[in-house]
Amino acid sequence: MRKLLFVVLGTLIFTSCDEHLVASDTTAIQGAWDKENEIQFSLPQMDSLENYHLFLNVRNTNDYPFNNLYLIVSMDFPFGKTITDTLEYRMANPDGSWLGNGIGGVKENKLWYKENVAFFEPGNYQLRISQAVRNNGEVGGVSQLQGITDVGYSIEKASK
């Protein structure tokens, strides 16, 4: 009986954490993230009457050599409009400890992308993500970014 209680409680805890989650997808990065490698996602159809929060999900290891992460994120709308953002996220504290969640050498980072978004246009939305990390004093950027293992997105229903 006690074992059944723990299973039921565990199930409730884990499912309640994702009650607002509508969609998510992740792409694994093999080796290093090449600056020319743009990761693309096709977003599922969303209810045009709802508002959503969009997040970027990034996993990093201890091999990631920077304390921040620069991303260029573009959303292509069904009728041809594109919105592009250059975003900076802090990945580590000043003492070098990682900000993400996780045990061991891999940390999961759930990073805000956009909040209270409504998908008014019917059709397919595309999300494109590329890294734009640069070393201090260099213009060209890091061609092979080490330590990022996965990049993805998640969409959650905004609370009313």
C-alpha atoms as a PDB file:
ATOM      1  CA  MET A   1       0.000   0.000   0.000  1.00  0.00           C
ATOM      2  CA  ARG A   2       2.792   2.407   0.907  1.00  0.00           C
ATOM      3  CA  LYS A   3       4.570   1.686  -2.395  1.00  0.00           C
ATOM      4  CA  LEU A   4       1.374   2.424  -4.336  1.00  0.00           C
ATOM      5  CA  LEU A   5       1.014   5.749  -2.490  1.00  0.00           C
ATOM      6  CA  PHE A   6       4.558   6.792  -3.517  1.00  0.00           C
ATOM      7  CA  VAL A   7       3.883   5.853  -7.146  1.00  0.00           C
ATOM      8  CA  VAL A   8       0.636   7.860  -7.222  1.00  0.00           C
ATOM      9  CA  LEU A   9       2.231  10.891  -5.530  1.00  0.00           C
ATOM     10  CA  GLY A  10       5.243  10.752  -7.835  1.00  0.00           C
ATOM     11  CA  THR A  11       3.016  10.592 -10.894  1.00  0.00           C
ATOM     12  CA  LEU A  12       0.968  13.573  -9.716  1.00  0.00           C
ATOM     13  CA  ILE A  13       4.067  15.647  -9.015  1.00  0.00           C
ATOM     14  CA  PHE A  14       5.667  14.972 -12.394  1.00  0.00           C
ATOM     15  CA  THR A  15       2.480  15.459 -14.436  1.00  0.00           C
ATOM     16  CA  SER A  16       1.483  18.647 -12.617  1.00  0.00           C
ATOM     17  CA  CYS A  17       4.832  20.251 -13.514  1.00  0.00           C
ATOM     18  CA  ASP A  18       3.936  20.074 -17.204  1.00  0.00           C
ATOM     19  CA  GLU A  19       0.229  20.874 -17.097  1.00  0.00           C
ATOM     20  CA  HIS A  20       0.765  24.032 -19.198  1.00  0.00           C
ATOM     21  CA  LEU A  21       3.116  22.377 -21.721  1.00  0.00           C
ATOM     22  CA  VAL A  22       1.596  22.341 -25.201  1.00  0.00           C
ATOM     23  CA  ALA A  23       4.510  21.392 -27.449  1.00  0.00           C
ATOM     24  CA  SER A  24       8.254  20.817 -27.344  1.00  0.00           C
ATOM     25  CA  ASP A  25      11.027  19.440 -29.497  1.00  0.00           C
ATOM     26  CA  THR A  26      14.778  19.042 -29.152  1.00  0.00           C
ATOM     27  CA  THR A  27      17.663  18.456 -31.524  1.00  0.00           C
ATOM     28  CA  ALA A  28      20.875  16.801 -30.376  1.00  0.00           C
ATOM     29  CA  ILE A  29      24.136  18.427 -31.395  1.00  0.00           C
ATOM     30  CA  GLN A  30      26.872  15.988 -32.286  1.00  0.00           C
ATOM     31  CA  GLY A  31      30.327  17.211 -31.299  1.00  0.00           C
ATOM     32  CA  ALA A  32      30.413  20.991 -31.569  1.00  0.00           C
ATOM     33  CA  TRP A  33      27.748  23.475 -32.681  1.00  0.00           C
ATOM     34  CA  ASP A  34      29.000  24.925 -35.953  1.00  0.00           C
ATOM     35  CA  LYS A  35      28.163  28.621 -36.356  1.00  0.00           C
ATOM     36  CA  GLU A  36      26.703  27.804 -39.792  1.00  0.00           C
ATOM     37  CA  ASN A  37      24.427  25.075 -38.354  1.00  0.00           C
ATOM     38  CA  GLU A  38      20.983  26.638 -38.017  1.00  0.00           C
ATOM     39  CA  ILE A  39      18.625  24.406 -36.050  1.00  0.00           C
ATOM     40  CA  GLN A  40      15.069  24.457 -37.415  1.00  0.00           C
ATOM     41  CA  PHE A  41      11.738  23.471 -35.937  1.00  0.00           C
ATOM     42  CA  SER A  42       8.287  23.430 -37.467  1.00  0.00           C
ATOM     43  CA  LEU A  43       5.827  24.482 -34.769  1.00  0.00           C
ATOM     44  CA  PRO A  44       2.521  22.630 -34.449  1.00  0.00           C
ATOM     45  CA  GLN A  45      -0.794  24.381 -35.078  1.00  0.00           C
ATOM     46  CA  MET A  46      -1.777  26.511 -32.088  1.00  0.00           C
ATOM     47  CA  ASP A  47      -5.149  27.751 -30.922  1.00  0.00           C
ATOM     48  CA  SER A  48      -5.382  31.338 -32.201  1.00  0.00           C
ATOM     49  CA  LEU A  49      -7.545  32.328 -29.219  1.00  0.00           C
ATOM     50  CA  GLU A  50      -4.919  31.346 -26.636  1.00  0.00           C
ATOM     51  CA  ASN A  51      -1.731  33.076 -25.504  1.00  0.00           C
ATOM     52  CA  TYR A  52       1.497  31.132 -25.054  1.00  0.00           C
ATOM     53  CA  HIS A  53       4.933  31.480 -23.511  1.00  0.00           C
ATOM     54  CA  LEU A  54       7.841  30.294 -25.668  1.00  0.00           C
ATOM     55  CA  PHE A  55      11.080  28.958 -24.202  1.00  0.00           C
ATOM     56  CA  LEU A  56      14.390  27.833 -25.613  1.00  0.00           C
ATOM     57  CA  ASN A  57      15.824  24.707 -24.008  1.00  0.00           C
ATOM     58  CA  VAL A  58      19.594  24.301 -24.030  1.00  0.00           C
ATOM     59  CA  ARG A  59      21.670  21.526 -22.451  1.00  0.00           C
ATOM     60  CA  ASN A  60      25.313  22.217 -21.724  1.00  0.00           C
ATOM     61  CA  THR A  61      28.170  20.249 -20.237  1.00  0.00           C
ATOM     62  CA  ASN A  62      31.205  21.323 -18.237  1.00  0.00           C
ATOM     63  CA  ASP A  63      32.991  21.604 -21.601  1.00  0.00           C
ATOM     64  CA  TYR A  64      31.081  24.814 -22.347  1.00  0.00           C
ATOM     65  CA  PRO A  65      33.825  27.464 -22.049  1.00  0.00           C
ATOM     66  CA  PHE A  66      31.728  30.626 -21.608  1.00  0.00           C
ATOM     67  CA  ASN A  67      29.509  32.132 -18.898  1.00  0.00           C
ATOM     68  CA  ASN A  68      26.937  33.394 -21.413  1.00  0.00           C
ATOM     69  CA  LEU A  69      25.332  32.250 -24.647  1.00  0.00           C
ATOM     70  CA  TYR A  70      24.387  34.369 -27.658  1.00  0.00           C
ATOM     71  CA  LEU A  71      21.671  33.064 -29.962  1.00  0.00           C
ATOM     72  CA  ILE A  72      20.057  34.372 -33.118  1.00  0.00           C
ATOM     73  CA  VAL A  73      16.454  33.190 -33.162  1.00  0.00           C
ATOM     74  CA  SER A  74      14.072  33.753 -36.064  1.00  0.00           C
ATOM     75  CA  MET A  75      10.379  32.978 -36.272  1.00  0.00           C
ATOM     76  CA  ASP A  76       8.951  32.684 -39.762  1.00  0.00           C
ATOM     77  CA  PHE A  77       5.216  33.362 -39.967  1.00  0.00           C
ATOM     78  CA  PRO A  78       2.895  31.585 -42.429  1.00  0.00           C
ATOM     79  CA  PHE A  79       2.282  34.709 -44.562  1.00  0.00           C
ATOM     80  CA  GLY A  80       5.969  35.531 -45.021  1.00  0.00           C
ATOM     81  CA  LYS A  81       6.854  37.816 -42.105  1.00  0.00           C
ATOM     82  CA  THR A  82      10.022  36.970 -40.143  1.00  0.00           C
ATOM     83  CA  ILE A  83      10.983  38.274 -36.706  1.00  0.00           C
ATOM     84  CA  THR A  84      14.652  37.859 -35.771  1.00  0.00           C
ATOM     85  CA  ASP A  85      16.073  38.412 -32.288  1.00  0.00           C
ATOM     86  CA  THR A  86      19.660  38.398 -31.074  1.00  0.00           C
ATOM     87  CA  LEU A  87      19.507  37.087 -27.517  1.00  0.00           C
ATOM     88  CA  GLU A  88      22.008  36.792 -24.683  1.00  0.00           C
ATOM     89  CA  TYR A  89      21.547  34.339 -21.838  1.00  0.00           C
ATOM     90  CA  ARG A  90      23.662  34.031 -18.728  1.00  0.00           C
ATOM     91  CA  MET A  91      24.726  30.413 -18.267  1.00  0.00           C
ATOM     92  CA  ALA A  92      26.957  30.608 -15.161  1.00  0.00           C
ATOM     93  CA  ASN A  93      27.274  32.481 -11.909  1.00  0.00           C
ATOM     94  CA  PRO A  94      30.322  34.734 -11.316  1.00  0.00           C
ATOM     95  CA  ASP A  95      31.960  31.882  -9.370  1.00  0.00           C
ATOM     96  CA  GLY A  96      31.685  29.617 -12.449  1.00  0.00           C
ATOM     97  CA  SER A  97      28.865  27.384 -11.186  1.00  0.00           C
ATOM     98  CA  TRP A  98      26.220  26.605 -13.792  1.00  0.00           C
ATOM     99  CA  LEU A  99      22.751  28.146 -13.590  1.00  0.00           C
ATOM    100  CA  GLY A 100      20.900  25.245 -15.228  1.00  0.00           C
ATOM    101  CA  ASN A 101      19.218  22.327 -13.502  1.00  0.00           C
ATOM    102  CA  GLY A 102      20.588  18.831 -13.400  1.00  0.00           C
ATOM    103  CA  ILE A 103      22.843  16.454 -11.566  1.00  0.00           C
ATOM    104  CA  GLY A 104      26.420  15.961 -12.665  1.00  0.00           C
ATOM    105  CA  GLY A 105      28.072  17.485 -15.689  1.00  0.00           C
ATOM    106  CA  VAL A 106      24.968  18.152 -17.827  1.00  0.00           C
ATOM    107  CA  LYS A 107      22.719  21.133 -17.101  1.00  0.00           C
ATOM    108  CA  GLU A 108      19.291  21.854 -18.572  1.00  0.00           C
ATOM    109  CA  ASN A 109      18.483  25.523 -19.173  1.00  0.00           C
ATOM    110  CA  LYS A 110      14.928  26.717 -19.795  1.00  0.00           C
ATOM    111  CA  LEU A 111      15.389  30.182 -21.280  1.00  0.00           C
ATOM    112  CA  TRP A 112      12.628  32.734 -21.894  1.00  0.00           C
ATOM    113  CA  TYR A 113      12.146  33.514 -25.562  1.00  0.00           C
ATOM    114  CA  LYS A 114       8.753  35.267 -25.847  1.00  0.00           C
ATOM    115  CA  GLU A 115       5.781  35.674 -23.543  1.00  0.00           C
ATOM    116  CA  ASN A 116       2.055  36.041 -24.190  1.00  0.00           C
ATOM    117  CA  VAL A 117       2.345  35.164 -27.870  1.00  0.00           C
ATOM    118  CA  ALA A 118      -0.781  34.626 -29.953  1.00  0.00           C
ATOM    119  CA  PHE A 119      -0.559  32.650 -33.189  1.00  0.00           C
ATOM    120  CA  PHE A 120      -3.138  34.579 -35.247  1.00  0.00           C
ATOM    121  CA  GLU A 121      -2.066  33.508 -38.730  1.00  0.00           C
ATOM    122  CA  PRO A 122      -3.262  30.061 -39.808  1.00  0.00           C
ATOM    123  CA  GLY A 123      -0.530  27.829 -41.184  1.00  0.00           C
ATOM    124  CA  ASN A 124       2.974  26.692 -40.324  1.00  0.00           C
ATOM    125  CA  TYR A 125       5.348  28.703 -38.160  1.00  0.00           C
ATOM    126  CA  GLN A 126       9.078  27.937 -38.347  1.00  0.00           C
ATOM    127  CA  LEU A 127      11.596  28.537 -35.562  1.00  0.00           C
ATOM    128  CA  ARG A 128      15.294  28.834 -36.483  1.00  0.00           C
ATOM    129  CA  ILE A 129      18.112  28.967 -33.916  1.00  0.00           C
ATOM    130  CA  SER A 130      21.818  29.540 -34.461  1.00  0.00           C
ATOM    131  CA  GLN A 131      24.659  30.330 -32.081  1.00  0.00           C
ATOM    132  CA  ALA A 132      26.425  33.707 -32.250  1.00  0.00           C
ATOM    133  CA  VAL A 133      29.088  33.337 -29.537  1.00  0.00           C
ATOM    134  CA  ARG A 134      32.255  35.389 -29.975  1.00  0.00           C
ATOM    135  CA  ASN A 135      35.565  35.516 -28.154  1.00  0.00           C
ATOM    136  CA  ASN A 136      36.489  38.943 -26.757  1.00  0.00           C
ATOM    137  CA  GLY A 137      38.202  41.037 -29.407  1.00  0.00           C
ATOM    138  CA  GLU A 138      37.303  38.729 -32.306  1.00  0.00           C
ATOM    139  CA  VAL A 139      34.783  39.645 -34.979  1.00  0.00           C
ATOM    140  CA  GLY A 140      34.274  36.280 -36.675  1.00  0.00           C
ATOM    141  CA  GLY A 141      32.702  34.403 -33.808  1.00  0.00           C
ATOM    142  CA  VAL A 142      33.299  30.906 -32.496  1.00  0.00           C
ATOM    143  CA  SER A 143      33.128  28.563 -35.461  1.00  0.00           C
ATOM    144  CA  GLN A 144      32.828  25.341 -33.386  1.00  0.00           C
ATOM    145  CA  LEU A 145      31.049  25.899 -30.051  1.00  0.00           C
ATOM    146  CA  GLN A 146      31.899  23.134 -27.583  1.00  0.00           C
ATOM    147  CA  GLY A 147      29.764  21.962 -24.668  1.00  0.00           C
ATOM    148  CA  ILE A 148      26.226  22.408 -26.038  1.00  0.00           C
ATOM    149  CA  THR A 149      24.609  18.981 -26.419  1.00  0.00           C
ATOM    150  CA  ASP A 150      20.956  19.764 -27.188  1.00  0.00           C
ATOM    151  CA  VAL A 151      18.886  22.732 -28.380  1.00  0.00           C
ATOM    152  CA  GLY A 152      15.119  22.870 -28.426  1.00  0.00           C
ATOM    153  CA  TYR A 153      11.989  24.807 -27.669  1.00  0.00           C
ATOM    154  CA  SER A 154       8.893  24.450 -25.536  1.00  0.00           C
ATOM    155  CA  ILE A 155       5.544  26.179 -25.703  1.00  0.00           C
ATOM    156  CA  GLU A 156       3.342  26.579 -22.641  1.00  0.00           C
ATOM    157  CA  LYS A 157      -0.149  27.960 -22.268  1.00  0.00           C
ATOM    158  CA  ALA A 158      -0.040  31.351 -20.579  1.00  0.00           C
ATOM    159  CA  SER A 159      -1.964  31.492 -17.319  1.00  0.00           C
ATOM    160  CA  LYS A 160      -5.046  33.670 -17.417  1.00  0.00           C
END
